[in-house]
Protein backbone atom coordinates (compact mmCIF):
# COMPACT_ATOMS: atom_id res chain seq x y z
CA MET A 1 89.03 105.79 93.30
CA THR A 2 88.11 109.40 92.13
CA ALA A 3 91.26 110.73 90.28
CA PRO A 4 93.14 113.34 92.13
CA ALA A 5 93.04 116.81 90.92
CA PRO A 6 96.17 118.39 88.97
CA ARG A 7 99.20 118.71 91.16
CA ARG A 8 99.61 121.70 92.99
CA ALA A 9 103.16 123.16 93.86
CA GLU A 10 102.85 122.05 97.31
CA GLY A 11 101.95 118.37 96.14
CA GLU A 12 99.07 116.33 94.65
CA TYR A 13 95.64 117.40 95.84
CA TYR A 14 93.13 114.70 97.07
CA SER A 15 89.43 115.79 97.56
CA ALA A 16 87.56 114.41 100.37
CA ARG A 17 85.69 112.08 98.22
CA ALA A 18 89.06 110.57 97.06
CA ILE A 19 90.55 110.55 100.38
CA TYR A 20 87.15 108.74 101.49
CA ALA A 21 87.54 106.11 98.52
CA GLU A 22 90.88 105.32 99.36
CA LEU A 23 90.62 105.03 103.01
CA ARG A 24 87.49 102.84 102.38
CA ALA A 25 89.23 100.63 100.16
CA ASP A 26 92.11 100.31 102.93
CA ILE A 27 89.57 99.23 105.47
CA VAL A 28 87.78 96.92 103.30
CA THR A 29 90.68 95.01 102.20
CA LEU A 30 92.14 95.16 105.56
CA ARG A 31 95.19 97.00 104.81
CA LEU A 32 93.82 99.25 107.84
CA THR A 33 92.87 96.29 110.31
CA PRO A 34 90.34 96.76 113.33
CA GLY A 35 91.90 98.81 116.04
CA ALA A 36 94.09 100.88 113.98
CA LYS A 37 94.13 104.39 114.76
CA LEU A 38 93.68 107.22 112.00
CA SER A 39 95.32 110.52 112.53
CA GLU A 40 94.12 113.55 110.80
CA ASN A 41 97.48 115.19 110.73
CA GLU A 42 99.22 111.88 109.25
CA LEU A 43 96.34 111.36 106.66
CA ALA A 44 97.04 114.99 105.66
CA LEU A 45 100.71 114.48 105.19
CA ARG A 46 99.99 111.20 103.51
CA PHE A 47 97.20 112.98 100.87
CA GLY A 48 99.15 116.09 100.39
CA THR A 49 96.21 118.29 101.66
CA SER A 50 94.87 120.19 104.43
CA ARG A 51 93.50 118.45 107.58
CA ALA A 52 89.62 119.87 106.34
CA PRO A 53 89.33 117.24 103.57
CA VAL A 54 90.52 114.72 105.71
CA ARG A 55 88.05 115.23 108.53
CA GLU A 56 85.07 115.16 106.02
CA ALA A 57 86.13 111.90 104.52
CA LEU A 58 86.51 110.58 108.35
CA ILE A 59 82.74 111.82 108.94
CA ARG A 60 81.76 109.62 106.01
CA LEU A 61 83.77 106.67 107.40
CA ASN A 62 81.90 106.91 110.66
CA GLU A 63 78.61 107.34 109.16
CA ASP A 64 79.34 103.86 107.01
CA GLY A 65 80.69 102.34 110.43
CA LEU A 66 84.00 101.55 109.32
CA ILE A 67 85.42 103.97 112.19
CA GLN A 68 84.64 105.11 115.36
CA VAL A 69 85.36 108.49 116.69
CA GLN A 70 86.47 108.38 120.36
CA PRO A 71 86.51 111.94 121.78
CA GLN A 72 89.91 113.22 123.10
CA ARG A 73 91.55 109.84 121.67
CA GLY A 74 91.32 110.06 117.97
CA SER A 75 89.50 107.53 115.29
CA PHE A 76 89.75 104.01 115.19
CA VAL A 77 88.94 101.31 112.62
CA THR A 78 85.80 99.49 113.95
CA ARG A 79 85.58 95.44 114.06
CA ILE A 80 83.35 94.02 111.62
CA SER A 81 79.73 94.15 112.83
CA LEU A 82 77.60 90.94 112.23
CA ARG A 83 74.62 92.98 112.59
CA ALA A 84 75.66 95.60 110.17
CA MET A 85 76.93 93.01 107.52
CA GLU A 86 73.52 91.08 108.02
CA ARG A 87 71.70 94.58 107.14
CA ALA A 88 73.75 95.39 104.36
CA ARG A 89 73.50 91.47 102.89
CA PHE A 90 69.65 91.93 103.34
CA VAL A 91 69.89 95.47 101.24
CA ARG A 92 72.03 94.02 98.47
CA GLU A 93 69.93 90.73 98.36
CA ALA A 94 66.91 92.91 97.73
CA LEU A 95 68.31 94.91 94.99
CA GLU A 96 70.37 92.59 93.09
CA ILE A 97 67.78 90.18 92.82
CA ALA A 98 65.58 92.93 91.17
CA ILE A 99 68.26 93.91 89.07
CA THR A 100 68.92 90.32 87.96
CA ARG A 101 65.56 89.31 86.99
CA ARG A 102 65.15 92.71 85.00
CA ALA A 103 68.39 91.74 83.30
CA ALA A 104 67.17 88.30 82.35
CA ALA A 105 63.45 89.77 81.14
CA HIS A 106 64.73 92.34 79.20
CA GLY A 107 68.40 91.43 78.42
CA ILE A 108 71.45 93.36 78.85
CA SER A 109 73.62 95.45 76.41
CA PRO A 110 76.62 93.37 74.48
CA ALA A 111 78.86 95.98 76.48
CA ALA A 112 77.57 94.88 79.88
CA ARG A 113 77.88 91.16 78.65
CA ARG A 114 81.49 91.82 77.85
CA GLN A 115 82.09 93.39 81.11
CA ALA A 116 80.71 90.63 82.90
CA GLU A 117 82.50 87.86 81.03
CA ASP A 118 85.74 89.88 81.23
CA ALA A 119 85.24 90.06 85.08
CA MET A 120 85.11 86.37 85.39
CA ILE A 121 88.43 85.99 83.45
CA ALA A 122 89.95 88.77 85.61
CA GLN A 123 88.60 86.38 88.67
CA HIS A 124 90.41 83.40 87.43
CA ALA A 125 93.47 85.27 86.94
CA ALA A 126 93.27 86.74 90.75
CA ARG A 127 92.45 83.53 92.24
CA LEU A 128 95.23 83.89 94.75
CA ASP A 129 94.79 88.06 94.82
CA PRO A 130 91.70 88.76 97.42
CA ALA A 131 92.09 92.29 96.36
CA GLY A 132 92.16 91.87 92.73
CA PHE A 133 89.21 89.17 93.03
CA THR A 134 86.93 91.38 94.99
CA ALA A 135 87.70 94.14 92.46
CA ALA A 136 86.57 92.11 89.42
CA ASP A 137 83.48 90.36 91.63
CA ASP A 138 82.20 94.03 91.66
CA ARG A 139 82.67 94.63 88.15
CA PHE A 140 80.91 91.43 87.47
CA HIS A 141 77.76 92.69 89.68
CA ARG A 142 77.94 95.98 88.61
CA ALA A 143 77.66 94.83 84.55
CA PHE A 144 73.88 93.95 85.08
CA ALA A 145 72.99 97.13 86.94
CA GLU A 146 74.68 99.46 84.12
CA GLY A 147 73.58 96.85 81.35
CA THR A 148 69.82 97.44 82.50
CA ALA A 149 70.42 101.32 83.30
CA LEU A 150 70.19 100.72 86.85
CA ASP A 151 73.71 101.93 87.54
CA GLY A 152 72.45 104.47 89.96
CA VAL A 153 70.92 101.47 92.34
CA TRP A 154 74.61 99.87 92.10
CA ASP A 155 75.42 103.35 93.83
CA ILE A 156 73.16 102.55 96.77
CA ILE A 157 74.62 98.79 97.10
CA GLU A 158 78.20 100.17 97.02
CA ARG A 159 77.39 102.53 99.98
CA GLU A 160 75.58 99.96 102.08
CA LYS A 161 78.02 96.89 101.69
CA ALA A 162 81.05 97.89 103.39
CA GLN A 163 80.84 95.55 106.36
CA PHE A 164 79.53 93.05 103.64
CA ASP A 165 82.75 93.37 101.89
CA ARG A 166 85.26 93.23 104.55
CA ILE A 167 83.55 89.54 105.44
CA ARG A 168 83.90 88.66 102.01
CA PHE A 169 87.43 89.87 101.69
CA LEU A 170 88.67 87.83 105.06
CA SER A 171 86.93 84.68 103.71
CA LEU A 172 89.05 84.58 100.30
CA PRO A 173 90.54 82.25 99.53
CA ALA A 174 90.74 79.93 102.44
CA VAL A 175 87.25 79.72 103.74
CA THR A 176 85.38 80.79 100.44
CA PRO A 177 86.94 78.70 97.53
CA VAL A 178 86.97 80.76 94.56
CA ASP A 179 86.28 78.48 91.62
CA VAL A 180 82.47 78.07 93.69
CA LEU A 181 82.15 81.93 93.38
CA ILE A 182 83.30 81.73 89.73
CA GLU A 183 81.06 79.01 88.81
CA GLN A 184 78.03 80.80 90.36
CA HIS A 185 78.61 83.73 88.50
CA GLY A 186 78.77 81.58 85.45
CA ALA A 187 75.27 80.20 86.60
CA ILE A 188 73.81 83.84 86.83
CA LEU A 189 75.26 84.99 83.30
CA ALA A 190 73.89 81.98 81.72
CA ALA A 191 70.49 82.56 83.08
CA VAL A 192 70.40 86.32 82.47
CA LEU A 193 71.57 85.65 78.63
CA ALA A 194 68.96 82.92 78.18
CA ARG A 195 66.12 85.34 79.44
CA ARG A 196 65.09 83.01 82.35
CA PRO A 197 64.21 85.08 85.21
CA ALA A 198 63.35 82.66 87.74
CA GLU A 199 66.43 80.65 86.99
CA ALA A 200 68.47 83.99 87.30
CA GLU A 201 66.95 85.03 90.23
CA ALA A 202 67.53 81.37 91.90
CA ALA A 203 71.20 81.78 91.03
CA ILE A 204 71.62 85.08 92.38
CA ARG A 205 69.96 83.95 95.72
CA THR A 206 72.41 80.99 95.87
CA HIS A 207 75.46 83.05 95.39
CA LEU A 208 74.46 85.69 97.86
CA SER A 209 73.49 82.96 100.33
CA GLU A 210 77.30 81.97 100.21
CA VAL A 211 78.52 84.44 102.99
CA LEU A 212 76.08 82.95 105.55
CA ARG A 213 77.66 79.81 105.41
CA ILE A 214 81.08 81.36 106.11
CA THR A 215 80.20 83.81 108.62
CA ASP A 216 80.25 81.56 111.79
CA ASP A 217 83.43 79.93 110.80
CA LEU A 218 84.99 83.45 110.16
CA ALA A 219 83.78 84.77 113.64
CA SER A 220 85.42 81.96 115.36
CA ARG A 221 88.78 82.30 113.47
CA TYR A 222 89.14 86.21 113.80
CA PRO A 223 87.48 87.10 117.09
CA GLU A 224 89.84 90.33 117.07
CA LEU A 225 88.31 91.46 113.96
CA ILE A 226 84.60 90.48 114.01
CA VAL A 227 82.18 91.39 116.83
CA GLU A 228 79.10 89.09 117.19
CA ASP A 229 76.13 91.65 117.70
CA LEU A 230 73.64 89.69 116.20
């Protein structure tokens, strides 16, 4: 999350960007579940700011498909859209395959290697903490983009994958065994470090297809959270 600006006399100031980032995290990690109502007045009190930056943050969340604005009623967190999730998976797969092949072909920086390795250690430590595990998972994947000077591409992935992230979070740890994900990360990193692009691509494809295996199961388990609109 973007760091808040210095404290003002009337409280701590949050920019629209920071409010958006915090609410997005709340929605992705299901602290705000589908159907929850978001009140501009209540959010302004929560963040100690006026309604203007709150309204701007809600507009961005609406554009992301994470909330729906209903005239005369308010803003509500949407159910997880399988169509939007599949679109996000398509974008993420295309970009991450390109990133991973580039990383394997040209190598990654020592700092990026440490970030990836530290992220895997953090995942082991957060095995029973879906929020911590998901954050470490993102750090692992981001390491390759940053290690190949493609961090701007990761920003595109980050914008696109909100619905994907909600499915991913919902699957942990009961549906998707965390050991499987960590093992897959190890295979990706090993192929990148060995400078084997084809092997690295195969490993990232296997990893990103994991969500396909669990989507139907999750949709049947949580019909109140997921809309099957494929």
